């Protein structure tokens, strides 16, 4: 849904190392006394905006939030780019807490040019990022105000009857992928609230996450498969969203009880879809999030193959900020494991 919408307007541990290529000015990481710091290059403008494509003129908050959090959980220090992005986001968040997609540049200014495609996931990830970056000592008032507005909007998308979240006020449809992302965000928000001594809020957020997990199973469960949408239908033949949706429980590390009985283990997924995914001819994008999932699921050799095949695509039309951070995530983990050999689908198919 989000990726398709973007097409209309043109989308844990290890250490990430500095770029070895001659394009270090484009994108890389740099080391300091605090470890490895994410540098988004001109994916991020001087004012803090994070564009979807390299040096582009469209900002989609979902991509920015997702990329920064992915970098964080991949072991990168995101403090500098995240705080710059948050400052930009605070300036462009609507009074009702929502975000749009924005077009323009620092020089010409950024204007809301399209409605957000997925308010539910975008709001949840924004809240997760704010809590993740909040200091132990004090949360700035403007952050607290933004949190309150974003939470109110996210709560307004919760369907009390079904117990899941809708995409937006205009699209009263629940998506499996979005709700999995929201569950993961709520779990992480609860942890951060506990760190910030917000004990009662942490308990309520944790309960909300637990209830959502149960309802994801009830609403989207469909025998041995599952529906990707409340509009009905089990997983079909399209790579996105159907095949990608099957990966999200493993990417987001959903508890096993949530997917019990579903005939979609990640190894099964690789056997059925791995080759076409690595051939990179099934979608406009190479889907680095799947490569990240292969690392989580113990297939570093497959992740290494993806990294090698994806590298020529960097900074091109098929590359976005989320692919770039996925690439850095994979490269850092592969190196930390001692240059795991690329053996493709050997041992799987």
C-alpha atoms as a PDB file:
ATOM      1  CA  UNK A   1       0.000   0.000   0.000  1.00  0.00           C
ATOM      2  CA  UNK A   2       2.704   2.491   1.029  1.00  0.00           C
ATOM      3  CA  UNK A   3       5.128   1.375  -1.676  1.00  0.00           C
ATOM      4  CA  UNK A   4       2.454   1.448  -4.347  1.00  0.00           C
ATOM      5  CA  UNK A   5       1.454   4.941  -3.290  1.00  0.00           C
ATOM      6  CA  UNK A   6       5.065   6.081  -3.513  1.00  0.00           C
ATOM      7  CA  UNK A   7       5.305   4.747  -7.052  1.00  0.00           C
ATOM      8  CA  UNK A   8       2.524   7.113  -7.959  1.00  0.00           C
ATOM      9  CA  UNK A   9       4.587  10.099  -6.843  1.00  0.00           C
ATOM     10  CA  UNK A  10       7.854   9.373  -8.640  1.00  0.00           C
ATOM     11  CA  UNK A  11      10.126   3.299  -0.165  1.00  0.00           C
ATOM     12  CA  UNK A  12      19.544  -6.907  16.540  1.00  0.00           C
ATOM     13  CA  UNK A  13      23.020  -6.207  17.337  1.00  0.00           C
ATOM     14  CA  UNK A  14      25.929  -5.869  14.785  1.00  0.00           C
ATOM     15  CA  UNK A  15      28.031  -2.898  13.877  1.00  0.00           C
ATOM     16  CA  UNK A  16      27.986  -0.795  10.752  1.00  0.00           C
ATOM     17  CA  UNK A  17      31.290   0.209   9.201  1.00  0.00           C
ATOM     18  CA  UNK A  18      32.392   3.164   7.102  1.00  0.00           C
ATOM     19  CA  UNK A  19      31.846   2.994   3.360  1.00  0.00           C
ATOM     20  CA  UNK A  20      34.697   1.580   1.302  1.00  0.00           C
ATOM     21  CA  UNK A  21      33.526   2.886  -2.060  1.00  0.00           C
ATOM     22  CA  UNK A  22      34.433   6.234  -3.551  1.00  0.00           C
ATOM     23  CA  UNK A  23      30.952   7.564  -2.895  1.00  0.00           C
ATOM     24  CA  UNK A  24      31.431   8.211   0.797  1.00  0.00           C
ATOM     25  CA  UNK A  25      30.113  11.719   0.206  1.00  0.00           C
ATOM     26  CA  UNK A  26      26.806  10.164  -0.839  1.00  0.00           C
ATOM     27  CA  UNK A  27      26.100   7.926   2.110  1.00  0.00           C
ATOM     28  CA  UNK A  28      28.077   6.198   4.771  1.00  0.00           C
ATOM     29  CA  UNK A  29      28.731   5.958   8.462  1.00  0.00           C
ATOM     30  CA  UNK A  30      31.436   7.575  10.526  1.00  0.00           C
ATOM     31  CA  UNK A  31      32.982   6.570  13.801  1.00  0.00           C
ATOM     32  CA  UNK A  32      33.289   8.645  16.959  1.00  0.00           C
ATOM     33  CA  UNK A  33      33.834   7.936  20.632  1.00  0.00           C
ATOM     34  CA  UNK A  34      30.204   6.834  20.954  1.00  0.00           C
ATOM     35  CA  UNK A  35      30.486   4.201  18.236  1.00  0.00           C
ATOM     36  CA  UNK A  36      29.207   4.298  14.659  1.00  0.00           C
ATOM     37  CA  UNK A  37      27.054   7.251  13.680  1.00  0.00           C
ATOM     38  CA  UNK A  38      24.525   7.100  10.872  1.00  0.00           C
ATOM     39  CA  UNK A  39      25.108   9.711   8.185  1.00  0.00           C
ATOM     40  CA  UNK A  40      22.248   9.899   5.682  1.00  0.00           C
ATOM     41  CA  UNK A  41      24.172  12.140   3.292  1.00  0.00           C
ATOM     42  CA  UNK A  42      21.826  14.062   1.003  1.00  0.00           C
ATOM     43  CA  UNK A  43      18.970  11.745   1.832  1.00  0.00           C
ATOM     44  CA  UNK A  44      18.725  14.325   4.614  1.00  0.00           C
ATOM     45  CA  UNK A  45      18.639  18.046   3.884  1.00  0.00           C
ATOM     46  CA  UNK A  46      20.323  20.696   6.057  1.00  0.00           C
ATOM     47  CA  UNK A  47      16.950  21.545   7.634  1.00  0.00           C
ATOM     48  CA  UNK A  48      16.458  17.916   8.704  1.00  0.00           C
ATOM     49  CA  UNK A  49      13.989  16.685   6.057  1.00  0.00           C
ATOM     50  CA  UNK A  50      14.599  13.072   4.993  1.00  0.00           C
ATOM     51  CA  UNK A  51      13.669  12.469   1.376  1.00  0.00           C
ATOM     52  CA  UNK A  52      12.408   9.145   0.088  1.00  0.00           C
ATOM     53  CA  UNK A  53      14.947   8.899  -2.707  1.00  0.00           C
ATOM     54  CA  UNK A  54      18.527  10.134  -2.810  1.00  0.00           C
ATOM     55  CA  UNK A  55      18.500  13.905  -3.163  1.00  0.00           C
ATOM     56  CA  UNK A  56      14.797  13.803  -3.973  1.00  0.00           C
ATOM     57  CA  UNK A  57      11.987  16.301  -3.529  1.00  0.00           C
ATOM     58  CA  UNK A  58       9.429  14.156  -1.669  1.00  0.00           C
ATOM     59  CA  UNK A  59       9.342  13.493   2.081  1.00  0.00           C
ATOM     60  CA  UNK A  60       7.210  10.634   3.391  1.00  0.00           C
ATOM     61  CA  UNK A  61       7.336  10.523   7.216  1.00  0.00           C
ATOM     62  CA  UNK A  62       6.710   6.774   7.247  1.00  0.00           C
ATOM     63  CA  UNK A  63       9.939   6.114   5.343  1.00  0.00           C
ATOM     64  CA  UNK A  64      11.949   8.495   7.501  1.00  0.00           C
ATOM     65  CA  UNK A  65      10.673   7.067  10.797  1.00  0.00           C
ATOM     66  CA  UNK A  66      11.069   3.467   9.641  1.00  0.00           C
ATOM     67  CA  UNK A  67      14.581   4.027   8.315  1.00  0.00           C
ATOM     68  CA  UNK A  68      15.821   5.731  11.474  1.00  0.00           C
ATOM     69  CA  UNK A  69      14.382   3.052  13.752  1.00  0.00           C
ATOM     70  CA  UNK A  70      15.800   0.297  11.549  1.00  0.00           C
ATOM     71  CA  UNK A  71      19.227   1.930  11.811  1.00  0.00           C
ATOM     72  CA  UNK A  72      18.880   2.167  15.586  1.00  0.00           C
ATOM     73  CA  UNK A  73      17.985  -1.497  15.971  1.00  0.00           C
ATOM     74  CA  UNK A  74      20.812  -2.349  13.586  1.00  0.00           C
ATOM     75  CA  UNK A  75      23.340  -0.927  16.049  1.00  0.00           C
ATOM     76  CA  UNK A  76      23.839   2.552  14.579  1.00  0.00           C
ATOM     77  CA  UNK A  77      23.914   5.800  16.536  1.00  0.00           C
ATOM     78  CA  UNK A  78      21.029   7.803  15.041  1.00  0.00           C
ATOM     79  CA  UNK A  79      21.138  10.724  17.480  1.00  0.00           C
ATOM     80  CA  UNK A  80      22.199  13.430  15.027  1.00  0.00           C
ATOM     81  CA  UNK A  81      19.963  12.580  12.041  1.00  0.00           C
ATOM     82  CA  UNK A  82      17.028  11.632  14.275  1.00  0.00           C
ATOM     83  CA  UNK A  83      17.046  14.882  16.239  1.00  0.00           C
ATOM     84  CA  UNK A  84      17.336  16.896  13.031  1.00  0.00           C
ATOM     85  CA  UNK A  85      14.422  14.941  11.562  1.00  0.00           C
ATOM     86  CA  UNK A  86      12.326  15.322  14.705  1.00  0.00           C
ATOM     87  CA  UNK A  87      12.867  19.095  14.668  1.00  0.00           C
ATOM     88  CA  UNK A  88      11.709  19.177  11.033  1.00  0.00           C
ATOM     89  CA  UNK A  89       8.779  16.888  11.769  1.00  0.00           C
ATOM     90  CA  UNK A  90       7.597  19.035  14.667  1.00  0.00           C
ATOM     91  CA  UNK A  91       7.461  22.029  12.340  1.00  0.00           C
ATOM     92  CA  UNK A  92       5.420  20.154   9.737  1.00  0.00           C
ATOM     93  CA  UNK A  93       3.089  18.093  11.910  1.00  0.00           C
ATOM     94  CA  UNK A  94      -0.488  19.268  11.536  1.00  0.00           C
ATOM     95  CA  UNK A  95      -2.330  20.740  14.512  1.00  0.00           C
ATOM     96  CA  UNK A  96      -4.436  17.576  14.690  1.00  0.00           C
ATOM     97  CA  UNK A  97      -1.300  15.434  14.991  1.00  0.00           C
ATOM     98  CA  UNK A  98      -1.322  14.009  11.474  1.00  0.00           C
ATOM     99  CA  UNK A  99       1.445  14.155   8.894  1.00  0.00           C
ATOM    100  CA  UNK A 100       1.177  14.564   5.141  1.00  0.00           C
ATOM    101  CA  UNK A 101       3.611  13.736   2.408  1.00  0.00           C
ATOM    102  CA  UNK A 102       5.609  16.816   1.457  1.00  0.00           C
ATOM    103  CA  UNK A 103       7.062  18.127  -1.790  1.00  0.00           C
ATOM    104  CA  UNK A 104       9.681  20.802  -2.342  1.00  0.00           C
ATOM    105  CA  UNK A 105      13.163  21.621  -1.109  1.00  0.00           C
ATOM    106  CA  UNK A 106      14.863  23.587   1.641  1.00  0.00           C
ATOM    107  CA  UNK A 107      15.279  26.515  -0.741  1.00  0.00           C
ATOM    108  CA  UNK A 108      11.695  26.584  -2.037  1.00  0.00           C
ATOM    109  CA  UNK A 109      10.077  25.315   1.131  1.00  0.00           C
ATOM    110  CA  UNK A 110       8.192  22.097   1.857  1.00  0.00           C
ATOM    111  CA  UNK A 111       4.459  21.935   1.307  1.00  0.00           C
ATOM    112  CA  UNK A 112       1.941  19.187   1.987  1.00  0.00           C
ATOM    113  CA  UNK A 113       1.314  17.737  -1.464  1.00  0.00           C
ATOM    114  CA  UNK A 114      -0.462  14.476  -0.683  1.00  0.00           C
ATOM    115  CA  UNK A 115      -2.247  12.874   2.224  1.00  0.00           C
ATOM    116  CA  UNK A 116      -0.321  10.250   4.098  1.00  0.00           C
ATOM    117  CA  UNK A 117      -0.979   6.783   2.716  1.00  0.00           C
ATOM    118  CA  UNK A 118      -0.809   5.051   6.101  1.00  0.00           C
ATOM    119  CA  UNK A 119      -1.606   7.278   9.070  1.00  0.00           C
ATOM    120  CA  UNK A 120      -1.753   4.345  11.477  1.00  0.00           C
ATOM    121  CA  UNK A 121       1.779   2.981  11.014  1.00  0.00           C
ATOM    122  CA  UNK A 122       3.313   6.408  10.451  1.00  0.00           C
ATOM    123  CA  UNK A 123       1.907   7.770  13.731  1.00  0.00           C
ATOM    124  CA  UNK A 124       2.981   4.688  15.692  1.00  0.00           C
ATOM    125  CA  UNK A 125       6.534   4.886  14.350  1.00  0.00           C
ATOM    126  CA  UNK A 126       6.715   8.633  15.059  1.00  0.00           C
ATOM    127  CA  UNK A 127       5.724   7.969  18.668  1.00  0.00           C
ATOM    128  CA  UNK A 128       8.259   5.148  18.934  1.00  0.00           C
ATOM    129  CA  UNK A 129      11.025   7.395  17.581  1.00  0.00           C
ATOM    130  CA  UNK A 130      10.191  10.237  19.988  1.00  0.00           C
ATOM    131  CA  UNK A 131      10.192   7.919  22.984  1.00  0.00           C
ATOM    132  CA  UNK A 132      13.375   6.227  21.799  1.00  0.00           C
ATOM    133  CA  UNK A 133      15.191   9.556  21.495  1.00  0.00           C
ATOM    134  CA  UNK A 134      13.806  11.084  24.713  1.00  0.00           C
ATOM    135  CA  UNK A 135      16.348  11.876  27.382  1.00  0.00           C
ATOM    136  CA  UNK A 136      16.157  10.218  30.795  1.00  0.00           C
ATOM    137  CA  UNK A 137      16.166  13.651  32.398  1.00  0.00           C
ATOM    138  CA  UNK A 138      13.405  15.545  30.642  1.00  0.00           C
ATOM    139  CA  UNK A 139      11.217  15.298  27.543  1.00  0.00           C
ATOM    140  CA  UNK A 140      10.901  18.690  25.785  1.00  0.00           C
ATOM    141  CA  UNK A 141       7.437  20.220  25.982  1.00  0.00           C
ATOM    142  CA  UNK A 142       7.102  20.347  22.193  1.00  0.00           C
ATOM    143  CA  UNK A 143       7.834  16.606  22.072  1.00  0.00           C
ATOM    144  CA  UNK A 144       5.198  15.920  24.719  1.00  0.00           C
ATOM    145  CA  UNK A 145       2.669  18.024  22.806  1.00  0.00           C
ATOM    146  CA  UNK A 146       3.468  16.140  19.608  1.00  0.00           C
ATOM    147  CA  UNK A 147       3.179  12.806  21.395  1.00  0.00           C
ATOM    148  CA  UNK A 148      -0.226  13.723  22.778  1.00  0.00           C
ATOM    149  CA  UNK A 149      -1.554  14.790  19.382  1.00  0.00           C
ATOM    150  CA  UNK A 150      -0.129  11.749  17.579  1.00  0.00           C
ATOM    151  CA  UNK A 151      -1.467   9.374  20.234  1.00  0.00           C
ATOM    152  CA  UNK A 152      -4.938  10.928  20.018  1.00  0.00           C
ATOM    153  CA  UNK A 153      -4.969  10.471  16.261  1.00  0.00           C
ATOM    154  CA  UNK A 154      -3.704   6.895  16.496  1.00  0.00           C
ATOM    155  CA  UNK A 155      -6.333   6.091  19.127  1.00  0.00           C
ATOM    156  CA  UNK A 156      -9.006   7.511  16.826  1.00  0.00           C
ATOM    157  CA  UNK A 157      -8.027   4.892  14.218  1.00  0.00           C
ATOM    158  CA  UNK A 158      -8.612   2.022  16.644  1.00  0.00           C
ATOM    159  CA  UNK A 159     -11.723   0.018  15.876  1.00  0.00           C
ATOM    160  CA  UNK A 160     -13.105  -1.093  19.235  1.00  0.00           C
ATOM    161  CA  UNK A 161     -15.200  -3.843  17.700  1.00  0.00           C
ATOM    162  CA  UNK A 162     -12.372  -5.538  15.808  1.00  0.00           C
ATOM    163  CA  UNK A 163      -9.578  -4.439  18.119  1.00  0.00           C
ATOM    164  CA  UNK A 164      -7.225  -3.413  15.313  1.00  0.00           C
ATOM    165  CA  UNK A 165      -6.211  -0.157  13.621  1.00  0.00           C
ATOM    166  CA  UNK A 166      -7.498   1.296  10.368  1.00  0.00           C
ATOM    167  CA  UNK A 167      -5.225   2.931   7.809  1.00  0.00           C
ATOM    168  CA  UNK A 168      -6.751   6.397   8.154  1.00  0.00           C
ATOM    169  CA  UNK A 169     -10.012   8.195   8.745  1.00  0.00           C
ATOM    170  CA  UNK A 170     -10.630   8.158   4.994  1.00  0.00           C
ATOM    171  CA  UNK A 171      -9.596   4.505   4.545  1.00  0.00           C
ATOM    172  CA  UNK A 172     -11.449   2.454   7.139  1.00  0.00           C
ATOM    173  CA  UNK A 173      -9.523  -0.673   6.229  1.00  0.00           C
ATOM    174  CA  UNK A 174      -7.211  -2.621   8.516  1.00  0.00           C
ATOM    175  CA  UNK A 175      -3.954  -3.968   7.080  1.00  0.00           C
ATOM    176  CA  UNK A 176      -2.068  -6.926   8.503  1.00  0.00           C
ATOM    177  CA  UNK A 177       1.340  -5.314   7.939  1.00  0.00           C
ATOM    178  CA  UNK A 178       0.371  -2.016   9.532  1.00  0.00           C
ATOM    179  CA  UNK A 179      -1.039  -3.697  12.621  1.00  0.00           C
ATOM    180  CA  UNK A 180       2.066  -5.850  13.016  1.00  0.00           C
ATOM    181  CA  UNK A 181       4.182  -2.689  12.865  1.00  0.00           C
ATOM    182  CA  UNK A 182       1.938  -0.953  15.387  1.00  0.00           C
ATOM    183  CA  UNK A 183       2.170  -3.922  17.754  1.00  0.00           C
ATOM    184  CA  UNK A 184       5.971  -3.811  17.563  1.00  0.00           C
ATOM    185  CA  UNK A 185       5.963  -0.038  18.110  1.00  0.00           C
ATOM    186  CA  UNK A 186       3.698  -0.343  21.177  1.00  0.00           C
ATOM    187  CA  UNK A 187       5.969  -2.978  22.718  1.00  0.00           C
ATOM    188  CA  UNK A 188       8.998  -0.712  22.243  1.00  0.00           C
ATOM    189  CA  UNK A 189       7.142   2.375  23.458  1.00  0.00           C
ATOM    190  CA  UNK A 190       6.179   0.525  26.654  1.00  0.00           C
ATOM    191  CA  UNK A 191       9.857  -0.292  27.254  1.00  0.00           C
ATOM    192  CA  UNK A 192      10.860   3.333  26.768  1.00  0.00           C
ATOM    193  CA  UNK A 193       8.081   4.580  29.027  1.00  0.00           C
ATOM    194  CA  UNK A 194       9.367   2.244  31.716  1.00  0.00           C
ATOM    195  CA  UNK A 195      12.869   3.671  31.233  1.00  0.00           C
ATOM    196  CA  UNK A 196      11.435   7.173  31.587  1.00  0.00           C
ATOM    197  CA  UNK A 197       9.718   6.211  34.868  1.00  0.00           C
ATOM    198  CA  UNK A 198       6.280   6.476  33.233  1.00  0.00           C
ATOM    199  CA  UNK A 199       5.188   3.310  34.989  1.00  0.00           C
ATOM    200  CA  UNK A 200       1.419   3.599  34.604  1.00  0.00           C
ATOM    201  CA  UNK A 201       1.657   4.639  30.946  1.00  0.00           C
ATOM    202  CA  UNK A 202       4.027   1.749  30.309  1.00  0.00           C
ATOM    203  CA  UNK A 203       1.577  -0.742  31.796  1.00  0.00           C
ATOM    204  CA  UNK A 204      -1.336   0.571  29.725  1.00  0.00           C
ATOM    205  CA  UNK A 205       0.750   0.585  26.538  1.00  0.00           C
ATOM    206  CA  UNK A 206       1.846  -2.973  27.207  1.00  0.00           C
ATOM    207  CA  UNK A 207      -1.751  -4.066  27.709  1.00  0.00           C
ATOM    208  CA  UNK A 208      -2.742  -2.323  24.496  1.00  0.00           C
ATOM    209  CA  UNK A 209       0.005  -4.228  22.657  1.00  0.00           C
ATOM    210  CA  UNK A 210      -1.066  -7.574  24.130  1.00  0.00           C
ATOM    211  CA  UNK A 211      -4.684  -6.997  23.140  1.00  0.00           C
ATOM    212  CA  UNK A 212      -3.670  -5.963  19.645  1.00  0.00           C
ATOM    213  CA  UNK A 213      -1.609  -9.137  19.241  1.00  0.00           C
ATOM    214  CA  UNK A 214      -4.630 -11.288  20.110  1.00  0.00           C
ATOM    215  CA  UNK A 215      -6.840  -9.342  17.733  1.00  0.00           C
ATOM    216  CA  UNK A 216      -4.357  -9.546  14.869  1.00  0.00           C
ATOM    217  CA  UNK A 217      -4.703 -13.303  15.147  1.00  0.00           C
ATOM    218  CA  UNK A 218      -8.499 -13.186  15.353  1.00  0.00           C
ATOM    219  CA  UNK A 219      -9.077 -10.645  12.582  1.00  0.00           C
ATOM    220  CA  UNK A 220      -6.437 -11.669  10.061  1.00  0.00           C
ATOM    221  CA  UNK A 221      -6.193 -15.387  10.854  1.00  0.00           C
ATOM    222  CA  UNK A 222      -7.544 -17.580   8.076  1.00  0.00           C
ATOM    223  CA  UNK A 223      -6.781 -21.241   8.708  1.00  0.00           C
ATOM    224  CA  UNK A 224      -3.270 -22.103   7.590  1.00  0.00           C
ATOM    225  CA  UNK A 225      -2.909 -18.719   5.881  1.00  0.00           C
ATOM    226  CA  UNK A 226      -4.020 -15.215   6.772  1.00  0.00           C
ATOM    227  CA  UNK A 227      -5.725 -12.233   5.227  1.00  0.00           C
ATOM    228  CA  UNK A 228      -3.610  -9.199   4.439  1.00  0.00           C
ATOM    229  CA  UNK A 229      -6.581  -6.847   4.785  1.00  0.00           C
ATOM    230  CA  UNK A 230      -9.978  -6.594   6.444  1.00  0.00           C
ATOM    231  CA  UNK A 231     -11.319  -6.325   2.915  1.00  0.00           C
ATOM    232  CA  UNK A 232     -10.838 -10.075   2.762  1.00  0.00           C
ATOM    233  CA  UNK A 233      -8.859 -12.525   0.688  1.00  0.00           C
ATOM    234  CA  UNK A 234      -5.919 -14.665   1.709  1.00  0.00           C
ATOM    235  CA  UNK A 235      -2.388 -14.063   0.501  1.00  0.00           C
ATOM    236  CA  UNK A 236      -2.307 -13.987  -3.296  1.00  0.00           C
ATOM    237  CA  UNK A 237       0.393 -14.085  -5.950  1.00  0.00           C
ATOM    238  CA  UNK A 238       1.558 -10.463  -5.969  1.00  0.00           C
ATOM    239  CA  UNK A 239       4.984 -10.023  -4.421  1.00  0.00           C
ATOM    240  CA  UNK A 240       3.832  -6.773  -2.822  1.00  0.00           C
ATOM    241  CA  UNK A 241       1.726  -6.748  -0.772  1.00  0.00           C
ATOM    242  CA  UNK A 242       0.926 -10.483  -0.589  1.00  0.00           C
ATOM    243  CA  UNK A 243       4.339 -12.140  -0.331  1.00  0.00           C
ATOM    244  CA  UNK A 244       5.888  -9.283   1.612  1.00  0.00           C
ATOM    245  CA  UNK A 245       3.107  -9.482   4.207  1.00  0.00           C
ATOM    246  CA  UNK A 246       4.166 -13.049   5.000  1.00  0.00           C
ATOM    247  CA  UNK A 247       7.608 -11.764   6.049  1.00  0.00           C
ATOM    248  CA  UNK A 248       6.439  -9.097   8.491  1.00  0.00           C
ATOM    249  CA  UNK A 249       5.781 -11.418  11.468  1.00  0.00           C
ATOM    250  CA  UNK A 250       9.451 -12.483  11.314  1.00  0.00           C
ATOM    251  CA  UNK A 251      10.796  -9.014  10.565  1.00  0.00           C
ATOM    252  CA  UNK A 252       8.898  -7.622  13.565  1.00  0.00           C
ATOM    253  CA  UNK A 253       9.647 -10.711  15.683  1.00  0.00           C
ATOM    254  CA  UNK A 254       6.015 -11.446  16.408  1.00  0.00           C
ATOM    255  CA  UNK A 255       5.607 -14.024  19.218  1.00  0.00           C
ATOM    256  CA  UNK A 256       5.182 -17.550  17.870  1.00  0.00           C
ATOM    257  CA  UNK A 257       1.740 -17.979  19.426  1.00  0.00           C
ATOM    258  CA  UNK A 258       0.442 -15.203  17.176  1.00  0.00           C
ATOM    259  CA  UNK A 259       1.218 -17.188  14.027  1.00  0.00           C
ATOM    260  CA  UNK A 260       0.644 -20.720  15.346  1.00  0.00           C
ATOM    261  CA  UNK A 261      -0.959 -22.840  12.661  1.00  0.00           C
ATOM    262  CA  UNK A 262      -0.029 -20.521   9.810  1.00  0.00           C
ATOM    263  CA  UNK A 263       1.762 -22.462   7.114  1.00  0.00           C
ATOM    264  CA  UNK A 264       4.216 -19.663   6.426  1.00  0.00           C
ATOM    265  CA  UNK A 265       7.502 -20.338   8.231  1.00  0.00           C
ATOM    266  CA  UNK A 266      10.301 -18.097   7.030  1.00  0.00           C
ATOM    267  CA  UNK A 267      12.225 -21.070   5.661  1.00  0.00           C
ATOM    268  CA  UNK A 268       9.127 -22.038   3.670  1.00  0.00           C
ATOM    269  CA  UNK A 269       8.911 -18.476   2.434  1.00  0.00           C
ATOM    270  CA  UNK A 270      12.513 -18.574   1.226  1.00  0.00           C
ATOM    271  CA  UNK A 271      11.962 -21.868  -0.527  1.00  0.00           C
ATOM    272  CA  UNK A 272       8.973 -20.480  -2.409  1.00  0.00           C
ATOM    273  CA  UNK A 273      10.018 -16.892  -3.009  1.00  0.00           C
ATOM    274  CA  UNK A 274      13.724 -16.530  -2.251  1.00  0.00           C
ATOM    275  CA  UNK A 275      15.076 -16.972  -5.747  1.00  0.00           C
ATOM    276  CA  UNK A 276      12.681 -14.522  -7.406  1.00  0.00           C
ATOM    277  CA  UNK A 277      13.334 -11.997  -4.632  1.00  0.00           C
ATOM    278  CA  UNK A 278      17.126 -12.290  -5.060  1.00  0.00           C
ATOM    279  CA  UNK A 279      16.741 -11.992  -8.839  1.00  0.00           C
ATOM    280  CA  UNK A 280      15.250  -8.552  -8.072  1.00  0.00           C
ATOM    281  CA  UNK A 281      12.733  -8.697 -10.874  1.00  0.00           C
ATOM    282  CA  UNK A 282       9.515  -9.053  -8.888  1.00  0.00           C
ATOM    283  CA  UNK A 283       9.147  -5.461  -7.681  1.00  0.00           C
ATOM    284  CA  UNK A 284      10.423  -1.968  -8.337  1.00  0.00           C
ATOM    285  CA  UNK A 285      12.519  -2.163  -5.173  1.00  0.00           C
ATOM    286  CA  UNK A 286      14.984  -4.824  -3.965  1.00  0.00           C
ATOM    287  CA  UNK A 287      13.294  -5.116  -0.547  1.00  0.00           C
ATOM    288  CA  UNK A 288      16.160  -4.838   1.899  1.00  0.00           C
ATOM    289  CA  UNK A 289      13.750  -5.397   4.778  1.00  0.00           C
ATOM    290  CA  UNK A 290      13.592  -9.024   3.666  1.00  0.00           C
ATOM    291  CA  UNK A 291      17.386  -9.199   3.768  1.00  0.00           C
ATOM    292  CA  UNK A 292      17.253  -7.876   7.335  1.00  0.00           C
ATOM    293  CA  UNK A 293      14.766 -10.642   8.100  1.00  0.00           C
ATOM    294  CA  UNK A 294      17.131 -13.298   6.754  1.00  0.00           C
ATOM    295  CA  UNK A 295      19.675 -12.144   9.332  1.00  0.00           C
ATOM    296  CA  UNK A 296      17.122 -12.306  12.125  1.00  0.00           C
ATOM    297  CA  UNK A 297      16.165 -15.810  11.027  1.00  0.00           C
ATOM    298  CA  UNK A 298      19.725 -17.130  10.737  1.00  0.00           C
ATOM    299  CA  UNK A 299      20.436 -16.956   6.993  1.00  0.00           C
ATOM    300  CA  UNK A 300      23.445 -14.553   6.763  1.00  0.00           C
ATOM    301  CA  UNK A 301      24.612 -16.203   3.532  1.00  0.00           C
ATOM    302  CA  UNK A 302      21.369 -15.175   1.829  1.00  0.00           C
ATOM    303  CA  UNK A 303      21.645 -11.651   3.248  1.00  0.00           C
ATOM    304  CA  UNK A 304      25.174 -11.441   1.831  1.00  0.00           C
ATOM    305  CA  UNK A 305      23.869 -12.432  -1.607  1.00  0.00           C
ATOM    306  CA  UNK A 306      21.239  -9.712  -1.428  1.00  0.00           C
ATOM    307  CA  UNK A 307      23.871  -7.148  -0.455  1.00  0.00           C
ATOM    308  CA  UNK A 308      26.062  -8.022  -3.440  1.00  0.00           C
ATOM    309  CA  UNK A 309      23.162  -7.984  -5.898  1.00  0.00           C
ATOM    310  CA  UNK A 310      21.669  -4.785  -4.498  1.00  0.00           C
ATOM    311  CA  UNK A 311      24.861  -2.725  -4.402  1.00  0.00           C
ATOM    312  CA  UNK A 312      24.757  -1.701  -8.107  1.00  0.00           C
ATOM    313  CA  UNK A 313      21.288  -0.260  -7.509  1.00  0.00           C
ATOM    314  CA  UNK A 314      22.421   2.186  -4.825  1.00  0.00           C
ATOM    315  CA  UNK A 315      21.372   5.801  -5.440  1.00  0.00           C
ATOM    316  CA  UNK A 316      19.410   4.845  -8.542  1.00  0.00           C
ATOM    317  CA  UNK A 317      15.693   4.986  -9.281  1.00  0.00           C
ATOM    318  CA  UNK A 318      15.085   1.662  -7.522  1.00  0.00           C
ATOM    319  CA  UNK A 319      16.724   2.838  -4.299  1.00  0.00           C
ATOM    320  CA  UNK A 320      15.179   4.701  -1.374  1.00  0.00           C
ATOM    321  CA  UNK A 321      16.240   5.647   2.133  1.00  0.00           C
ATOM    322  CA  UNK A 322      14.818   2.448   3.599  1.00  0.00           C
ATOM    323  CA  UNK A 323      16.792   0.337   1.116  1.00  0.00           C
ATOM    324  CA  UNK A 324      19.922   2.280   1.989  1.00  0.00           C
ATOM    325  CA  UNK A 325      19.571   1.729   5.726  1.00  0.00           C
ATOM    326  CA  UNK A 326      18.732  -1.931   5.120  1.00  0.00           C
ATOM    327  CA  UNK A 327      21.922  -2.201   3.077  1.00  0.00           C
ATOM    328  CA  UNK A 328      24.003  -0.641   5.867  1.00  0.00           C
ATOM    329  CA  UNK A 329      22.311  -2.901   8.412  1.00  0.00           C
ATOM    330  CA  UNK A 330      23.119  -6.027   6.403  1.00  0.00           C
ATOM    331  CA  UNK A 331      26.668  -4.947   5.583  1.00  0.00           C
ATOM    332  CA  UNK A 332      27.453  -4.242   9.223  1.00  0.00           C
ATOM    333  CA  UNK A 333      26.099  -7.589  10.413  1.00  0.00           C
ATOM    334  CA  UNK A 334      27.828  -9.559   7.677  1.00  0.00           C
ATOM    335  CA  UNK A 335      31.173  -7.997   8.521  1.00  0.00           C
ATOM    336  CA  UNK A 336      30.689  -8.576  12.216  1.00  0.00           C
ATOM    337  CA  UNK A 337      30.248 -12.281  11.444  1.00  0.00           C
ATOM    338  CA  UNK A 338      33.485 -12.464   9.475  1.00  0.00           C
ATOM    339  CA  UNK A 339      32.567 -12.089   5.825  1.00  0.00           C
ATOM    340  CA  UNK A 340      29.971 -14.824   5.519  1.00  0.00           C
ATOM    341  CA  UNK A 341      30.104 -16.213   1.995  1.00  0.00           C
ATOM    342  CA  UNK A 342      27.281 -15.619  -0.430  1.00  0.00           C
ATOM    343  CA  UNK A 343      25.836 -19.038  -1.185  1.00  0.00           C
ATOM    344  CA  UNK A 344      22.488 -17.888  -2.537  1.00  0.00           C
ATOM    345  CA  UNK A 345      19.691 -20.339  -1.936  1.00  0.00           C
ATOM    346  CA  UNK A 346      22.073 -23.237  -1.324  1.00  0.00           C
ATOM    347  CA  UNK A 347      20.754 -25.376   1.502  1.00  0.00           C
ATOM    348  CA  UNK A 348      17.232 -23.991   1.139  1.00  0.00           C
ATOM    349  CA  UNK A 349      15.903 -25.018  -2.225  1.00  0.00           C
END
